[in-house]
Amino acid sequence: MSEIIKTEAVVLSKLNYGDTSLIISVFTELYGKISVIIKGGRNPKSKMGMIADPLNHVQIVVYKKDTRDLQLLSSIDTISHYPRIKEDLDKTQYSLAIIELIKKLTVENEVNKKLFKGLVRILSLIDSDNEHPSILFGRFYLFFLSELGYALQTSECGICKKEIGKNSGGFNFDTGFVCVNCFESHPGLNFASAELLNYFFCLNNKISVQNISLVLLKQANIFLDRYTKHHIPGFNGIQSLNIFNNFK
């Protein structure tokens, strides 16, 4: 069965195909992640090829056939190309890291309208907000993990289920964060500073983050990277953002 579909999408990646064509991966509002071919897209005069850049929020029309994995792009129009993101290295890096998460960890053709709206919103915030893009990246990352079924609990202890509070505590990647009492009474847990716990609590609860150090931002990103690797076999980290060496 074939049909003509129209949907909003965010471009995740673009690859050359053959002599003149392009293949783009897009995360769509109505059909999830799909791959489409732009015939002649590498021609300098191809409007579609120029619009189909990673990060762009677009409206696409596709000839979709269920029997093929690669669909045919009929038209593409720009909704937003996020100019401020592309003018700023930090904004670009964290935005590319976000779409890399979508590309690597979502399933083809699995619809998630909430995730799509969250993706468009976070890119808009990074484009326009004065909040550090690493903080916005962290907010999206926790939301994304929750949508995948790996929510990081930051309010109650993973062992006794009591409120963690604002003190330091502990964690491992199976139980999550634990209160200071359980950390002291259960051997083998890793230490979690009060600053790290409070930071994740603020991200999870949409609380403004003030006066946070770049060192703590780096620690938080490393934590999220390792947490994801622990829960999702085969995930090899985010290549577009080297959080270990290139953090400013």
Protein backbone atom coordinates (compact mmCIF):
# COMPACT_ATOMS: atom_id res chain seq x y z
CA MET A 1 0.00 0.00 0.00
CA SER A 2 1.31 3.47 -0.88
CA GLU A 3 0.14 6.88 0.24
CA ILE A 4 1.13 10.53 0.21
CA ILE A 5 1.84 11.75 3.73
CA LYS A 6 2.42 15.25 5.09
CA THR A 7 3.97 15.87 8.48
CA GLU A 8 6.29 18.12 10.45
CA ALA A 9 9.78 16.74 11.02
CA VAL A 10 13.23 17.53 12.38
CA VAL A 11 16.15 16.54 10.17
CA LEU A 12 18.51 14.22 12.06
CA SER A 13 21.17 13.48 9.46
CA LYS A 14 22.01 13.81 5.75
CA LEU A 15 24.13 11.44 3.64
CA ASN A 16 25.19 11.39 0.00
CA TYR A 17 23.67 8.57 -2.04
CA GLY A 18 24.72 7.58 -5.53
CA ASP A 19 25.93 10.31 -7.85
CA THR A 20 23.28 12.95 -7.26
CA SER A 21 20.90 11.94 -4.45
CA LEU A 22 20.69 12.40 -0.70
CA ILE A 23 19.30 10.24 2.08
CA ILE A 24 18.02 12.03 5.15
CA SER A 25 16.83 10.63 8.46
CA VAL A 26 13.96 12.62 9.94
CA PHE A 27 12.03 12.40 13.18
CA THR A 28 8.43 13.16 12.28
CA GLU A 29 5.45 14.16 14.35
CA LEU A 30 3.04 11.63 12.82
CA TYR A 31 5.21 8.69 11.72
CA GLY A 32 8.20 8.61 14.05
CA LYS A 33 11.69 8.23 12.64
CA ILE A 34 11.86 7.48 8.93
CA SER A 35 14.48 7.62 6.16
CA VAL A 36 13.74 9.36 2.87
CA ILE A 37 15.60 9.85 -0.39
CA ILE A 38 15.89 13.19 -2.17
CA LYS A 39 16.51 12.40 -5.81
CA GLY A 40 18.86 14.94 -7.33
CA GLY A 41 19.30 16.51 -3.91
CA ARG A 42 23.01 17.15 -4.41
CA ASN A 43 22.40 19.31 -7.46
CA PRO A 44 23.43 22.90 -6.57
CA LYS A 45 20.05 24.07 -7.82
CA SER A 46 18.09 21.63 -5.62
CA LYS A 47 16.00 23.61 -3.15
CA MET A 48 15.11 20.43 -1.27
CA GLY A 49 18.75 19.49 -0.83
CA MET A 50 19.59 22.89 0.65
CA ILE A 51 16.66 22.84 3.10
CA ALA A 52 17.30 19.29 4.34
CA ASP A 53 20.09 20.15 6.78
CA PRO A 54 20.40 18.52 10.23
CA LEU A 55 18.55 20.40 13.01
CA ASN A 56 16.10 22.07 10.62
CA HIS A 57 12.43 21.94 11.60
CA VAL A 58 10.54 21.31 8.37
CA GLN A 59 7.26 20.34 6.76
CA ILE A 60 7.63 17.37 4.40
CA VAL A 61 5.48 15.55 1.88
CA VAL A 62 6.53 11.93 1.25
CA TYR A 63 5.45 9.14 -1.07
CA LYS A 64 5.29 6.37 1.53
CA LYS A 65 5.12 2.68 0.65
CA ASP A 66 4.94 0.11 3.46
CA THR A 67 7.00 -2.44 1.53
CA ARG A 68 10.14 -0.27 1.42
CA ASP A 69 12.38 1.14 4.14
CA LEU A 70 13.48 4.16 2.13
CA GLN A 71 10.68 6.57 1.25
CA LEU A 72 10.63 9.19 -1.52
CA LEU A 73 10.60 12.88 -0.58
CA SER A 74 8.21 14.93 -2.69
CA SER A 75 8.60 18.35 -1.08
CA ILE A 76 10.17 20.04 1.94
CA ASP A 77 9.62 23.50 3.41
CA THR A 78 11.38 25.23 6.28
CA ILE A 79 9.51 25.96 9.49
CA SER A 80 12.62 27.01 11.42
CA HIS A 81 16.34 26.69 10.76
CA TYR A 82 17.39 27.96 14.23
CA PRO A 83 19.91 30.59 13.11
CA ARG A 84 21.27 31.38 16.60
CA ILE A 85 22.13 27.72 17.18
CA LYS A 86 24.20 27.59 14.02
CA GLU A 87 26.05 30.79 14.93
CA ASP A 88 27.20 29.48 18.33
CA LEU A 89 29.54 26.51 18.83
CA ASP A 90 28.17 25.46 22.23
CA LYS A 91 24.56 25.68 21.04
CA THR A 92 25.44 23.71 17.91
CA GLN A 93 27.25 20.95 19.82
CA TYR A 94 24.47 20.37 22.34
CA SER A 95 21.76 20.55 19.69
CA LEU A 96 23.58 17.96 17.58
CA ALA A 97 23.94 15.81 20.70
CA ILE A 98 20.18 15.95 21.19
CA ILE A 99 19.35 14.85 17.65
CA GLU A 100 22.00 12.13 17.93
CA LEU A 101 20.09 10.71 20.91
CA ILE A 102 16.92 10.66 18.81
CA LYS A 103 18.68 9.03 15.86
CA LYS A 104 20.47 6.36 17.90
CA LEU A 105 17.86 5.45 20.51
CA THR A 106 14.45 5.71 18.87
CA VAL A 107 12.88 2.93 16.82
CA GLU A 108 11.99 3.38 13.16
CA ASN A 109 8.29 4.19 12.56
CA GLU A 110 7.50 4.37 16.29
CA VAL A 111 5.28 7.42 16.80
CA ASN A 112 5.83 9.60 19.86
CA LYS A 113 4.15 12.98 19.49
CA LYS A 114 5.17 14.04 23.00
CA LEU A 115 8.81 13.40 22.21
CA PHE A 116 8.53 15.26 18.91
CA LYS A 117 7.02 18.31 20.60
CA GLY A 118 9.71 18.13 23.27
CA LEU A 119 12.41 18.04 20.61
CA VAL A 120 11.06 21.07 18.78
CA ARG A 121 10.63 22.95 22.06
CA ILE A 122 14.17 22.29 23.32
CA LEU A 123 15.71 23.36 20.00
CA SER A 124 13.65 26.55 20.15
CA LEU A 125 14.83 27.20 23.71
CA ILE A 126 18.47 26.61 22.81
CA ASP A 127 18.04 28.96 19.86
CA SER A 128 16.53 31.77 21.92
CA ASP A 129 17.29 31.20 25.63
CA ASN A 130 20.17 32.62 27.65
CA GLU A 131 20.37 29.47 29.80
CA HIS A 132 23.55 27.50 29.13
CA PRO A 133 22.88 24.94 26.37
CA SER A 134 24.34 22.20 28.57
CA ILE A 135 21.57 22.81 31.10
CA LEU A 136 18.91 22.66 28.39
CA PHE A 137 20.58 19.51 27.05
CA GLY A 138 20.33 17.99 30.54
CA ARG A 139 16.65 18.87 30.83
CA PHE A 140 15.91 17.21 27.51
CA TYR A 141 18.09 14.19 28.30
CA LEU A 142 16.12 13.41 31.50
CA PHE A 143 12.83 13.86 29.63
CA PHE A 144 14.10 11.62 26.84
CA LEU A 145 15.18 8.87 29.27
CA SER A 146 11.75 9.01 30.88
CA GLU A 147 10.08 8.58 27.49
CA LEU A 148 12.27 5.51 26.86
CA GLY A 149 11.25 4.02 30.22
CA TYR A 150 14.49 4.75 32.10
CA ALA A 151 13.42 7.72 34.20
CA LEU A 152 16.00 8.91 36.70
CA GLN A 153 14.31 9.34 40.08
CA THR A 154 15.61 12.38 41.94
CA SER A 155 13.01 12.90 44.67
CA GLU A 156 12.86 9.62 46.60
CA CYS A 157 15.51 7.15 47.64
CA GLY A 158 15.89 4.16 45.35
CA ILE A 159 16.17 1.84 48.36
CA CYS A 160 14.00 3.05 51.27
CA LYS A 161 11.71 5.22 49.09
CA LYS A 162 11.94 8.14 51.51
CA GLU A 163 12.58 11.68 50.35
CA ILE A 164 16.24 12.17 49.45
CA GLY A 165 16.34 15.80 50.54
CA LYS A 166 19.14 18.24 49.77
CA ASN A 167 21.99 16.39 51.44
CA SER A 168 24.64 14.32 49.71
CA GLY A 169 23.88 10.66 49.14
CA GLY A 170 24.81 7.82 46.86
CA PHE A 171 23.87 5.98 43.70
CA ASN A 172 24.39 3.04 41.50
CA PHE A 173 22.92 2.67 38.05
CA ASP A 174 20.40 0.01 39.11
CA THR A 175 18.92 1.62 42.24
CA GLY A 176 19.46 5.21 41.11
CA PHE A 177 20.03 7.91 43.72
CA VAL A 178 19.73 7.00 47.41
CA CYS A 179 19.51 9.03 50.61
CA VAL A 180 22.48 9.58 52.90
CA ASN A 181 21.25 6.98 55.42
CA CYS A 182 21.03 4.21 52.80
CA PHE A 183 24.37 5.29 51.33
CA GLU A 184 26.01 4.84 54.73
CA SER A 185 24.30 1.51 55.44
CA HIS A 186 24.63 -0.17 52.02
CA PRO A 187 28.20 -0.91 50.87
CA GLY A 188 29.16 -0.68 47.20
CA LEU A 189 27.32 2.54 46.38
CA ASN A 190 29.01 5.50 44.73
CA PHE A 191 29.06 8.90 46.39
CA ALA A 192 26.72 11.59 44.99
CA SER A 193 27.31 15.18 46.05
CA ALA A 194 24.50 17.38 47.27
CA GLU A 195 25.21 19.70 44.33
CA LEU A 196 24.75 16.91 41.76
CA LEU A 197 21.57 15.62 43.40
CA ASN A 198 20.10 19.13 43.59
CA TYR A 199 21.05 19.84 39.97
CA PHE A 200 19.21 16.77 38.67
CA PHE A 201 16.26 17.55 40.95
CA CYS A 202 16.03 21.03 39.42
CA LEU A 203 16.22 19.65 35.88
CA ASN A 204 13.51 17.07 36.55
CA ASN A 205 11.20 19.60 38.16
CA LYS A 206 11.75 22.50 35.72
CA ILE A 207 13.35 24.66 38.39
CA SER A 208 15.69 27.44 37.31
CA VAL A 209 19.37 26.60 37.76
CA GLN A 210 21.55 29.41 39.04
CA ASN A 211 25.31 29.81 39.54
CA ILE A 212 26.26 26.28 38.52
CA SER A 213 29.90 25.52 37.83
CA LEU A 214 31.15 24.16 34.52
CA VAL A 215 32.77 21.32 36.48
CA LEU A 216 29.39 20.21 37.82
CA LEU A 217 27.83 20.46 34.35
CA LYS A 218 30.56 18.17 33.05
CA GLN A 219 30.02 15.69 35.90
CA ALA A 220 26.28 15.65 35.20
CA ASN A 221 26.77 14.98 31.49
CA ILE A 222 29.23 12.17 32.21
CA PHE A 223 26.74 10.67 34.67
CA LEU A 224 23.94 10.71 32.08
CA ASP A 225 26.22 9.16 29.48
CA ARG A 226 27.18 6.28 31.79
CA TYR A 227 23.62 5.83 33.05
CA THR A 228 22.40 5.41 29.46
CA LYS A 229 25.19 2.99 28.58
CA HIS A 230 24.29 0.89 31.62
CA HIS A 231 20.60 0.61 30.74
CA ILE A 232 20.77 0.44 26.94
CA PRO A 233 23.18 -2.22 25.60
CA GLY A 234 24.96 -1.16 22.45
CA PHE A 235 24.80 2.56 23.18
CA ASN A 236 28.33 3.86 22.68
CA GLY A 237 27.85 7.41 23.86
CA ILE A 238 27.27 10.68 22.04
CA GLN A 239 29.87 11.16 19.35
CA SER A 240 28.87 14.67 18.28
CA LEU A 241 29.59 16.05 21.75
CA ASN A 242 32.83 14.93 23.38
CA ILE A 243 31.79 15.63 26.94
CA PHE A 244 34.99 14.23 28.35
CA ASN A 245 37.52 16.40 26.55
CA ASN A 246 35.90 19.27 24.68
CA PHE A 247 33.70 20.79 27.36
CA LYS A 248 34.31 24.51 27.68
